[in-house]
Amino acid sequence: HNFTDGMALGSAFLLHGSVGGWSRTLFLLAHELPQE
């Protein structure tokens, strides 16, 4: 799960720049917090 999250974040930063990468980062954090 962590590997695919890292791949998704990397591709978001590459394809969409800083804004897309940070919005994806916030989404993943919000998604992961309830599971912890």
N, C-alpha and C. Protein backbone atom coordinates (compact mmCIF):
# COMPACT_ATOMS: atom_id res chain seq x y z
N HIS A 1 0.83 -1.19 0.00
CA HIS A 1 0.00 0.00 0.00
C HIS A 1 0.87 1.25 0.00
N ASN A 2 1.92 1.25 0.81
CA ASN A 2 2.80 2.42 0.86
C ASN A 2 3.52 2.64 -0.46
N PHE A 3 3.90 1.55 -1.13
CA PHE A 3 4.60 1.68 -2.41
C PHE A 3 3.70 2.33 -3.44
N THR A 4 2.45 1.89 -3.52
CA THR A 4 1.54 2.47 -4.51
C THR A 4 1.20 3.91 -4.17
N ASP A 5 1.12 4.23 -2.88
CA ASP A 5 0.90 5.63 -2.48
C ASP A 5 2.07 6.49 -2.93
N GLY A 6 3.27 5.98 -2.77
CA GLY A 6 4.45 6.72 -3.20
C GLY A 6 4.49 6.92 -4.71
N MET A 7 4.10 5.90 -5.45
CA MET A 7 4.05 6.02 -6.91
C MET A 7 3.00 7.04 -7.32
N ALA A 8 1.85 7.02 -6.65
CA ALA A 8 0.79 7.97 -6.98
C ALA A 8 1.23 9.40 -6.69
N LEU A 9 1.91 9.59 -5.55
CA LEU A 9 2.39 10.94 -5.22
C LEU A 9 3.45 11.41 -6.21
N GLY A 10 4.37 10.54 -6.55
CA GLY A 10 5.41 10.91 -7.50
C GLY A 10 4.84 11.29 -8.85
N SER A 11 3.89 10.50 -9.32
CA SER A 11 3.29 10.82 -10.62
C SER A 11 2.45 12.08 -10.55
N ALA A 12 1.80 12.33 -9.42
CA ALA A 12 1.01 13.56 -9.27
C ALA A 12 1.91 14.78 -9.34
N PHE A 13 3.06 14.73 -8.67
CA PHE A 13 3.99 15.86 -8.72
C PHE A 13 4.56 16.03 -10.12
N LEU A 14 4.87 14.92 -10.80
CA LEU A 14 5.44 15.01 -12.14
C LEU A 14 4.42 15.52 -13.15
N LEU A 15 3.21 14.99 -13.10
CA LEU A 15 2.22 15.31 -14.12
C LEU A 15 1.49 16.63 -13.86
N HIS A 16 1.23 16.93 -12.58
CA HIS A 16 0.38 18.08 -12.27
C HIS A 16 1.12 19.19 -11.54
N GLY A 17 2.41 19.01 -11.30
CA GLY A 17 3.18 20.04 -10.63
C GLY A 17 2.91 20.08 -9.14
N SER A 18 3.29 21.18 -8.55
CA SER A 18 3.23 21.33 -7.10
C SER A 18 1.80 21.27 -6.57
N VAL A 19 0.89 21.95 -7.23
CA VAL A 19 -0.50 22.01 -6.73
C VAL A 19 -1.13 20.62 -6.74
N GLY A 20 -0.99 19.91 -7.83
CA GLY A 20 -1.56 18.56 -7.92
C GLY A 20 -0.91 17.60 -6.94
N GLY A 21 0.40 17.73 -6.77
CA GLY A 21 1.10 16.86 -5.84
C GLY A 21 0.68 17.08 -4.40
N TRP A 22 0.58 18.35 -4.00
CA TRP A 22 0.20 18.63 -2.62
C TRP A 22 -1.26 18.29 -2.35
N SER A 23 -2.13 18.49 -3.33
CA SER A 23 -3.53 18.11 -3.11
C SER A 23 -3.65 16.60 -2.97
N ARG A 24 -2.87 15.85 -3.74
CA ARG A 24 -2.87 14.39 -3.62
C ARG A 24 -2.30 13.97 -2.27
N THR A 25 -1.27 14.68 -1.81
CA THR A 25 -0.69 14.38 -0.50
C THR A 25 -1.72 14.55 0.60
N LEU A 26 -2.45 15.65 0.56
CA LEU A 26 -3.49 15.89 1.57
C LEU A 26 -4.58 14.84 1.51
N PHE A 27 -4.96 14.44 0.30
CA PHE A 27 -5.97 13.39 0.14
C PHE A 27 -5.48 12.08 0.76
N LEU A 28 -4.24 11.71 0.49
CA LEU A 28 -3.72 10.45 1.04
C LEU A 28 -3.61 10.51 2.55
N LEU A 29 -3.22 11.65 3.10
CA LEU A 29 -3.16 11.78 4.56
C LEU A 29 -4.54 11.63 5.18
N ALA A 30 -5.52 12.27 4.58
CA ALA A 30 -6.89 12.18 5.10
C ALA A 30 -7.42 10.76 4.96
N HIS A 31 -6.98 10.05 3.94
CA HIS A 31 -7.43 8.68 3.72
C HIS A 31 -6.76 7.71 4.70
N GLU A 32 -5.51 7.96 5.05
CA GLU A 32 -4.75 7.05 5.90
C GLU A 32 -5.02 7.23 7.38
N LEU A 33 -5.33 8.44 7.82
CA LEU A 33 -5.49 8.69 9.25
C LEU A 33 -6.56 7.82 9.91
N PRO A 34 -7.74 7.64 9.32
CA PRO A 34 -8.73 6.78 9.99
C PRO A 34 -8.28 5.32 10.10
N GLN A 35 -7.41 4.87 9.22
CA GLN A 35 -6.95 3.48 9.25
C GLN A 35 -5.91 3.25 10.34
N GLU A 36 -5.22 4.29 10.76
CA GLU A 36 -4.21 4.17 11.81
C GLU A 36 -4.90 4.17 13.13
